[in-house]
Amino acid sequence: MLTEYIQRAMHHAQYEVMEDGRYFATIAQCSGLWAEGQTLEESRDALMSSLEDWLMVKMRHGDSFEVIDGVDINPKLEYAEAN
């Protein structure tokens, strides 16, 4: 499920060429996440790596995640039935 979340998030990536010719990449659904690279491919690779790190940090802190294209990686609380 985590791999699917990353794939779906990457489909929402937006790239912009900066004044210095480098590429800046973001994913709107992932607040605070960004990356840059000398080429479009470098920025894409850097964004995916940053996304993986961003997910791990948020998981460690117990933060919630936006559902992307129906993929929800938020922990589900399951209540055991009292016997």
PDB file of N, CA and C in Angstrom:
ATOM      1  N   MET A   1       0.819  -1.190   0.000  1.00  0.00           N
ATOM      2  CA  MET A   1       0.000   0.000   0.000  1.00  0.00           C
ATOM      3  C   MET A   1       0.870   1.264   0.000  1.00  0.00           C
ATOM      4  N   LEU A   2       1.994   1.220   0.691  1.00  0.00           N
ATOM      5  CA  LEU A   2       2.884   2.378   0.732  1.00  0.00           C
ATOM      6  C   LEU A   2       3.462   2.669  -0.652  1.00  0.00           C
ATOM      7  N   THR A   3       3.825   1.623  -1.374  1.00  0.00           N
ATOM      8  CA  THR A   3       4.342   1.802  -2.731  1.00  0.00           C
ATOM      9  C   THR A   3       3.290   2.431  -3.625  1.00  0.00           C
ATOM     10  N   GLU A   4       2.057   1.987  -3.502  1.00  0.00           N
ATOM     11  CA  GLU A   4       0.971   2.554  -4.301  1.00  0.00           C
ATOM     12  C   GLU A   4       0.762   4.027  -3.955  1.00  0.00           C
ATOM     13  N   TYR A   5       0.851   4.358  -2.666  1.00  0.00           N
ATOM     14  CA  TYR A   5       0.702   5.747  -2.236  1.00  0.00           C
ATOM     15  C   TYR A   5       1.788   6.620  -2.876  1.00  0.00           C
ATOM     16  N   ILE A   6       3.015   6.140  -2.859  1.00  0.00           N
ATOM     17  CA  ILE A   6       4.131   6.891  -3.452  1.00  0.00           C
ATOM     18  C   ILE A   6       3.913   7.064  -4.953  1.00  0.00           C
ATOM     19  N   GLN A   7       3.492   6.010  -5.623  1.00  0.00           N
ATOM     20  CA  GLN A   7       3.241   6.099  -7.062  1.00  0.00           C
ATOM     21  C   GLN A   7       2.138   7.108  -7.365  1.00  0.00           C
ATOM     22  N   ARG A   8       1.058   7.048  -6.601  1.00  0.00           N
ATOM     23  CA  ARG A   8      -0.059   7.980  -6.828  1.00  0.00           C
ATOM     24  C   ARG A   8       0.373   9.417  -6.544  1.00  0.00           C
ATOM     25  N   ALA A   9       1.134   9.607  -5.472  1.00  0.00           N
ATOM     26  CA  ALA A   9       1.608  10.949  -5.136  1.00  0.00           C
ATOM     27  C   ALA A   9       2.494  11.499  -6.246  1.00  0.00           C
ATOM     28  N   MET A  10       3.377  10.661  -6.779  1.00  0.00           N
ATOM     29  CA  MET A  10       4.283  11.107  -7.841  1.00  0.00           C
ATOM     30  C   MET A  10       3.527  11.503  -9.100  1.00  0.00           C
ATOM     31  N   HIS A  11       2.352  10.942  -9.316  1.00  0.00           N
ATOM     32  CA  HIS A  11       1.534  11.338 -10.472  1.00  0.00           C
ATOM     33  C   HIS A  11       1.011  12.764 -10.333  1.00  0.00           C
ATOM     34  N   HIS A  12       1.028  13.288  -9.112  1.00  0.00           N
ATOM     35  CA  HIS A  12       0.574  14.650  -8.859  1.00  0.00           C
ATOM     36  C   HIS A  12       1.739  15.646  -8.780  1.00  0.00           C
ATOM     37  N   ALA A  13       2.941  15.173  -9.030  1.00  0.00           N
ATOM     38  CA  ALA A  13       4.118  16.047  -8.953  1.00  0.00           C
ATOM     39  C   ALA A  13       4.014  17.175  -9.972  1.00  0.00           C
ATOM     40  N   GLN A  14       4.452  18.341  -9.542  1.00  0.00           N
ATOM     41  CA  GLN A  14       4.490  19.507 -10.420  1.00  0.00           C
ATOM     42  C   GLN A  14       5.935  19.998 -10.477  1.00  0.00           C
ATOM     43  N   TYR A  15       6.355  20.366 -11.684  1.00  0.00           N
ATOM     44  CA  TYR A  15       7.740  20.776 -11.901  1.00  0.00           C
ATOM     45  C   TYR A  15       7.757  22.178 -12.474  1.00  0.00           C
ATOM     46  N   GLU A  16       8.757  22.931 -12.057  1.00  0.00           N
ATOM     47  CA  GLU A  16       8.898  24.311 -12.523  1.00  0.00           C
ATOM     48  C   GLU A  16      10.378  24.572 -12.794  1.00  0.00           C
ATOM     49  N   VAL A  17      10.650  25.238 -13.889  1.00  0.00           N
ATOM     50  CA  VAL A  17      12.031  25.617 -14.178  1.00  0.00           C
ATOM     51  C   VAL A  17      12.293  26.946 -13.473  1.00  0.00           C
ATOM     52  N   MET A  18      13.334  26.960 -12.644  1.00  0.00           N
ATOM     53  CA  MET A  18      13.687  28.181 -11.915  1.00  0.00           C
ATOM     54  C   MET A  18      14.534  29.094 -12.797  1.00  0.00           C
ATOM     55  N   GLU A  19      14.755  30.308 -12.344  1.00  0.00           N
ATOM     56  CA  GLU A  19      15.526  31.290 -13.116  1.00  0.00           C
ATOM     57  C   GLU A  19      16.931  30.812 -13.450  1.00  0.00           C
ATOM     58  N   ASP A  20      17.513  29.995 -12.556  1.00  0.00           N
ATOM     59  CA  ASP A  20      18.872  29.508 -12.794  1.00  0.00           C
ATOM     60  C   ASP A  20      18.910  28.260 -13.678  1.00  0.00           C
ATOM     61  N   GLY A  21      17.733  27.831 -14.173  1.00  0.00           N
ATOM     62  CA  GLY A  21      17.664  26.684 -15.064  1.00  0.00           C
ATOM     63  C   GLY A  21      17.461  25.354 -14.363  1.00  0.00           C
ATOM     64  N   ARG A  22      17.532  25.345 -13.029  1.00  0.00           N
ATOM     65  CA  ARG A  22      17.298  24.124 -12.269  1.00  0.00           C
ATOM     66  C   ARG A  22      15.797  23.856 -12.202  1.00  0.00           C
ATOM     67  N   TYR A  23      15.433  22.625 -11.880  1.00  0.00           N
ATOM     68  CA  TYR A  23      14.034  22.230 -11.778  1.00  0.00           C
ATOM     69  C   TYR A  23      13.622  22.118 -10.319  1.00  0.00           C
ATOM     70  N   PHE A  24      12.469  22.664 -10.009  1.00  0.00           N
ATOM     71  CA  PHE A  24      11.888  22.644  -8.673  1.00  0.00           C
ATOM     72  C   PHE A  24      10.647  21.764  -8.736  1.00  0.00           C
ATOM     73  N   ALA A  25      10.518  20.823  -7.803  1.00  0.00           N
ATOM     74  CA  ALA A  25       9.410  19.865  -7.835  1.00  0.00           C
ATOM     75  C   ALA A  25       8.664  19.859  -6.510  1.00  0.00           C
ATOM     76  N   THR A  26       7.337  19.754  -6.590  1.00  0.00           N
ATOM     77  CA  THR A  26       6.492  19.675  -5.398  1.00  0.00           C
ATOM     78  C   THR A  26       5.343  18.702  -5.655  1.00  0.00           C
ATOM     79  N   ILE A  27       4.692  18.311  -4.574  1.00  0.00           N
ATOM     80  CA  ILE A  27       3.444  17.556  -4.636  1.00  0.00           C
ATOM     81  C   ILE A  27       2.491  18.283  -3.703  1.00  0.00           C
ATOM     82  N   ALA A  28       1.457  18.892  -4.255  1.00  0.00           N
ATOM     83  CA  ALA A  28       0.554  19.748  -3.474  1.00  0.00           C
ATOM     84  C   ALA A  28      -0.059  19.019  -2.281  1.00  0.00           C
ATOM     85  N   GLN A  29      -0.362  17.745  -2.417  1.00  0.00           N
ATOM     86  CA  GLN A  29      -0.989  16.988  -1.335  1.00  0.00           C
ATOM     87  C   GLN A  29      -0.035  16.681  -0.185  1.00  0.00           C
ATOM     88  N   CYS A  30       1.237  16.934  -0.382  1.00  0.00           N
ATOM     89  CA  CYS A  30       2.255  16.616   0.626  1.00  0.00           C
ATOM     90  C   CYS A  30       2.882  17.931   1.111  1.00  0.00           C
ATOM     91  N   SER A  31       2.227  18.546   2.038  1.00  0.00           N
ATOM     92  CA  SER A  31       2.624  19.860   2.531  1.00  0.00           C
ATOM     93  C   SER A  31       4.082  19.901   3.007  1.00  0.00           C
ATOM     94  N   GLY A  32       4.812  20.855   2.495  1.00  0.00           N
ATOM     95  CA  GLY A  32       6.199  21.048   2.897  1.00  0.00           C
ATOM     96  C   GLY A  32       7.199  20.218   2.118  1.00  0.00           C
ATOM     97  N   LEU A  33       6.731  19.360   1.247  1.00  0.00           N
ATOM     98  CA  LEU A  33       7.628  18.498   0.467  1.00  0.00           C
ATOM     99  C   LEU A  33       8.046  19.203  -0.809  1.00  0.00           C
ATOM    100  N   TRP A  34       9.344  19.215  -1.087  1.00  0.00           N
ATOM    101  CA  TRP A  34       9.856  19.778  -2.336  1.00  0.00           C
ATOM    102  C   TRP A  34      11.232  19.192  -2.596  1.00  0.00           C
ATOM    103  N   ALA A  35      11.672  19.333  -3.817  1.00  0.00           N
ATOM    104  CA  ALA A  35      13.014  18.894  -4.203  1.00  0.00           C
ATOM    105  C   ALA A  35      13.425  19.691  -5.424  1.00  0.00           C
ATOM    106  N   GLU A  36      14.694  19.629  -5.741  1.00  0.00           N
ATOM    107  CA  GLU A  36      15.178  20.286  -6.954  1.00  0.00           C
ATOM    108  C   GLU A  36      16.316  19.479  -7.556  1.00  0.00           C
ATOM    109  N   GLY A  37      16.582  19.755  -8.820  1.00  0.00           N
ATOM    110  CA  GLY A  37      17.658  19.064  -9.510  1.00  0.00           C
ATOM    111  C   GLY A  37      18.098  19.827 -10.736  1.00  0.00           C
ATOM    112  N   GLN A  38      19.244  19.463 -11.246  1.00  0.00           N
ATOM    113  CA  GLN A  38      19.803  20.115 -12.434  1.00  0.00           C
ATOM    114  C   GLN A  38      18.950  19.826 -13.672  1.00  0.00           C
ATOM    115  N   THR A  39      18.359  18.635 -13.718  1.00  0.00           N
ATOM    116  CA  THR A  39      17.514  18.238 -14.846  1.00  0.00           C
ATOM    117  C   THR A  39      16.145  17.814 -14.306  1.00  0.00           C
ATOM    118  N   LEU A  40      15.202  17.656 -15.213  1.00  0.00           N
ATOM    119  CA  LEU A  40      13.873  17.200 -14.812  1.00  0.00           C
ATOM    120  C   LEU A  40      13.969  15.827 -14.148  1.00  0.00           C
ATOM    121  N   GLU A  41      14.757  14.941 -14.724  1.00  0.00           N
ATOM    122  CA  GLU A  41      14.913  13.599 -14.160  1.00  0.00           C
ATOM    123  C   GLU A  41      15.552  13.643 -12.777  1.00  0.00           C
ATOM    124  N   GLU A  42      16.563  14.477 -12.597  1.00  0.00           N
ATOM    125  CA  GLU A  42      17.192  14.627 -11.274  1.00  0.00           C
ATOM    126  C   GLU A  42      16.187  15.135 -10.254  1.00  0.00           C
ATOM    127  N   SER A  43      15.374  16.097 -10.649  1.00  0.00           N
ATOM    128  CA  SER A  43      14.397  16.641  -9.706  1.00  0.00           C
ATOM    129  C   SER A  43      13.337  15.594  -9.381  1.00  0.00           C
ATOM    130  N   ARG A  44      12.953  14.776 -10.353  1.00  0.00           N
ATOM    131  CA  ARG A  44      11.983  13.714 -10.101  1.00  0.00           C
ATOM    132  C   ARG A  44      12.563  12.691  -9.133  1.00  0.00           C
ATOM    133  N   ASP A  45      13.799  12.261  -9.368  1.00  0.00           N
ATOM    134  CA  ASP A  45      14.444  11.306  -8.473  1.00  0.00           C
ATOM    135  C   ASP A  45      14.586  11.877  -7.063  1.00  0.00           C
ATOM    136  N   ALA A  46      14.980  13.141  -6.978  1.00  0.00           N
ATOM    137  CA  ALA A  46      15.140  13.787  -5.674  1.00  0.00           C
ATOM    138  C   ALA A  46      13.785  13.909  -4.972  1.00  0.00           C
ATOM    139  N   LEU A  47      12.732  14.182  -5.735  1.00  0.00           N
ATOM    140  CA  LEU A  47      11.402  14.305  -5.143  1.00  0.00           C
ATOM    141  C   LEU A  47      10.939  12.960  -4.588  1.00  0.00           C
ATOM    142  N   MET A  48      11.167  11.885  -5.320  1.00  0.00           N
ATOM    143  CA  MET A  48      10.762  10.568  -4.830  1.00  0.00           C
ATOM    144  C   MET A  48      11.526  10.207  -3.561  1.00  0.00           C
ATOM    145  N   SER A  49      12.805  10.462  -3.537  1.00  0.00           N
ATOM    146  CA  SER A  49      13.608  10.192  -2.346  1.00  0.00           C
ATOM    147  C   SER A  49      13.129  11.034  -1.165  1.00  0.00           C
ATOM    148  N   SER A  50      12.857  12.306  -1.430  1.00  0.00           N
ATOM    149  CA  SER A  50      12.364  13.201  -0.376  1.00  0.00           C
ATOM    150  C   SER A  50      10.990  12.756   0.112  1.00  0.00           C
ATOM    151  N   LEU A  51      10.149  12.287  -0.803  1.00  0.00           N
ATOM    152  CA  LEU A  51       8.823  11.795  -0.430  1.00  0.00           C
ATOM    153  C   LEU A  51       8.940  10.610   0.515  1.00  0.00           C
ATOM    154  N   GLU A  52       9.834   9.691   0.225  1.00  0.00           N
ATOM    155  CA  GLU A  52      10.034   8.536   1.100  1.00  0.00           C
ATOM    156  C   GLU A  52      10.476   8.985   2.489  1.00  0.00           C
ATOM    157  N   ASP A  53      11.425   9.914   2.560  1.00  0.00           N
ATOM    158  CA  ASP A  53      11.887  10.432   3.849  1.00  0.00           C
ATOM    159  C   ASP A  53      10.764  11.171   4.567  1.00  0.00           C
ATOM    160  N   TRP A  54      10.028  11.988   3.836  1.00  0.00           N
ATOM    161  CA  TRP A  54       8.911  12.772   4.380  1.00  0.00           C
ATOM    162  C   TRP A  54       7.872  11.843   5.011  1.00  0.00           C
ATOM    163  N   LEU A  55       7.565  10.735   4.319  1.00  0.00           N
ATOM    164  CA  LEU A  55       6.607   9.766   4.851  1.00  0.00           C
ATOM    165  C   LEU A  55       7.104   9.148   6.157  1.00  0.00           C
ATOM    166  N   MET A  56       8.370   8.756   6.190  1.00  0.00           N
ATOM    167  CA  MET A  56       8.923   8.118   7.383  1.00  0.00           C
ATOM    168  C   MET A  56       8.917   9.068   8.586  1.00  0.00           C
ATOM    169  N   VAL A  57       9.271  10.311   8.365  1.00  0.00           N
ATOM    170  CA  VAL A  57       9.276  11.294   9.459  1.00  0.00           C
ATOM    171  C   VAL A  57       7.864  11.500   9.983  1.00  0.00           C
ATOM    172  N   LYS A  58       6.900  11.657   9.071  1.00  0.00           N
ATOM    173  CA  LYS A  58       5.514  11.853   9.489  1.00  0.00           C
ATOM    174  C   LYS A  58       4.981  10.628  10.233  1.00  0.00           C
ATOM    175  N   MET A  59       5.373   9.443   9.796  1.00  0.00           N
ATOM    176  CA  MET A  59       4.933   8.225  10.485  1.00  0.00           C
ATOM    177  C   MET A  59       5.493   8.166  11.899  1.00  0.00           C
ATOM    178  N   ARG A  60       6.770   8.496  12.040  1.00  0.00           N
ATOM    179  CA  ARG A  60       7.406   8.485  13.366  1.00  0.00           C
ATOM    180  C   ARG A  60       6.736   9.449  14.331  1.00  0.00           C
ATOM    181  N   HIS A  61       6.236  10.562  13.788  1.00  0.00           N
ATOM    182  CA  HIS A  61       5.604  11.579  14.621  1.00  0.00           C
ATOM    183  C   HIS A  61       4.099  11.349  14.800  1.00  0.00           C
ATOM    184  N   GLY A  62       3.575  10.328  14.149  1.00  0.00           N
ATOM    185  CA  GLY A  62       2.156  10.021  14.269  1.00  0.00           C
ATOM    186  C   GLY A  62       1.254  10.994  13.528  1.00  0.00           C
ATOM    187  N   ASP A  63       1.812  11.693  12.541  1.00  0.00           N
ATOM    188  CA  ASP A  63       1.019  12.643  11.756  1.00  0.00           C
ATOM    189  C   ASP A  63       0.086  11.894  10.811  1.00  0.00           C
ATOM    190  N   SER A  64      -0.968  12.573  10.382  1.00  0.00           N
ATOM    191  CA  SER A  64      -1.887  11.960   9.425  1.00  0.00           C
ATOM    192  C   SER A  64      -1.483  12.342   8.006  1.00  0.00           C
ATOM    193  N   PHE A  65      -1.999  11.581   7.052  1.00  0.00           N
ATOM    194  CA  PHE A  65      -1.673  11.767   5.644  1.00  0.00           C
ATOM    195  C   PHE A  65      -2.935  12.061   4.857  1.00  0.00           C
ATOM    196  N   GLU A  66      -2.798  12.890   3.844  1.00  0.00           N
ATOM    197  CA  GLU A  66      -3.912  13.137   2.944  1.00  0.00           C
ATOM    198  C   GLU A  66      -4.123  11.891   2.087  1.00  0.00           C
ATOM    199  N   VAL A  67      -5.369  11.535   1.878  1.00  0.00           N
ATOM    200  CA  VAL A  67      -5.692  10.424   0.994  1.00  0.00           C
ATOM    201  C   VAL A  67      -5.436  10.890  -0.438  1.00  0.00           C
ATOM    202  N   ILE A  68      -4.685  10.116  -1.193  1.00  0.00           N
ATOM    203  CA  ILE A  68      -4.362  10.479  -2.580  1.00  0.00           C
ATOM    204  C   ILE A  68      -4.951   9.438  -3.510  1.00  0.00           C
ATOM    205  N   ASP A  69      -5.836   9.884  -4.377  1.00  0.00           N
ATOM    206  CA  ASP A  69      -6.486   9.001  -5.359  1.00  0.00           C
ATOM    207  C   ASP A  69      -7.079   7.754  -4.706  1.00  0.00           C
ATOM    208  N   GLY A  70      -7.667   7.927  -3.544  1.00  0.00           N
ATOM    209  CA  GLY A  70      -8.317   6.824  -2.846  1.00  0.00           C
ATOM    210  C   GLY A  70      -7.390   5.952  -2.018  1.00  0.00           C
ATOM    211  N   VAL A  71      -6.102   6.238  -2.029  1.00  0.00           N
ATOM    212  CA  VAL A  71      -5.148   5.440  -1.252  1.00  0.00           C
ATOM    213  C   VAL A  71      -4.949   6.126   0.102  1.00  0.00           C
ATOM    214  N   ASP A  72      -5.346   5.415   1.150  1.00  0.00           N
ATOM    215  CA  ASP A  72      -5.297   5.948   2.517  1.00  0.00           C
ATOM    216  C   ASP A  72      -4.301   5.124   3.317  1.00  0.00           C
ATOM    217  N   ILE A  73      -3.200   5.748   3.737  1.00  0.00           N
ATOM    218  CA  ILE A  73      -2.190   5.026   4.517  1.00  0.00           C
ATOM    219  C   ILE A  73      -2.246   5.391   5.997  1.00  0.00           C
ATOM    220  N   ASN A  74      -3.308   6.096   6.391  1.00  0.00           N
ATOM    221  CA  ASN A  74      -3.459   6.443   7.806  1.00  0.00           C
ATOM    222  C   ASN A  74      -3.764   5.183   8.611  1.00  0.00           C
ATOM    223  N   PRO A  75      -3.178   5.076   9.807  1.00  0.00           N
ATOM    224  CA  PRO A  75      -3.436   3.896  10.644  1.00  0.00           C
ATOM    225  C   PRO A  75      -4.919   3.805  10.986  1.00  0.00           C
ATOM    226  N   LYS A  76      -5.420   2.603  10.984  1.00  0.00           N
ATOM    227  CA  LYS A  76      -6.810   2.353  11.351  1.00  0.00           C
ATOM    228  C   LYS A  76      -6.838   1.769  12.754  1.00  0.00           C
ATOM    229  N   LEU A  77      -7.626   2.345  13.604  1.00  0.00           N
ATOM    230  CA  LEU A  77      -7.784   1.804  14.955  1.00  0.00           C
ATOM    231  C   LEU A  77      -8.871   0.739  14.917  1.00  0.00           C
ATOM    232  N   GLU A  78      -8.522  -0.420  15.347  1.00  0.00           N
ATOM    233  CA  GLU A  78      -9.489  -1.500  15.406  1.00  0.00           C
ATOM    234  C   GLU A  78      -9.731  -1.823  16.867  1.00  0.00           C
ATOM    235  N   TYR A  79     -10.981  -1.878  17.211  1.00  0.00           N
ATOM    236  CA  TYR A  79     -11.347  -2.147  18.590  1.00  0.00           C
ATOM    237  C   TYR A  79     -11.680  -3.626  18.745  1.00  0.00           C
ATOM    238  N   ALA A  80     -11.030  -4.240  19.686  1.00  0.00           N
ATOM    239  CA  ALA A  80     -11.316  -5.650  19.959  1.00  0.00           C
ATOM    240  C   ALA A  80     -12.630  -5.735  20.698  1.00  0.00           C
ATOM    241  N   GLU A  81     -13.415  -6.740  20.325  1.00  0.00           N
ATOM    242  CA  GLU A  81     -14.692  -6.938  21.007  1.00  0.00           C
ATOM    243  C   GLU A  81     -14.412  -7.476  22.396  1.00  0.00           C
ATOM    244  N   ALA A  82     -15.135  -6.933  23.365  1.00  0.00           N
ATOM    245  CA  ALA A  82     -14.990  -7.397  24.744  1.00  0.00           C
ATOM    246  C   ALA A  82     -15.668  -8.751  24.880  1.00  0.00           C
ATOM    247  N   ASN A  83     -14.973  -9.713  25.453  1.00  0.00           N
ATOM    248  CA  ASN A  83     -15.548 -11.060  25.642  1.00  0.00           C
ATOM    249  C   ASN A  83     -15.889 -11.281  27.066  1.00  0.00           C
TER     250      ASN A  83
END
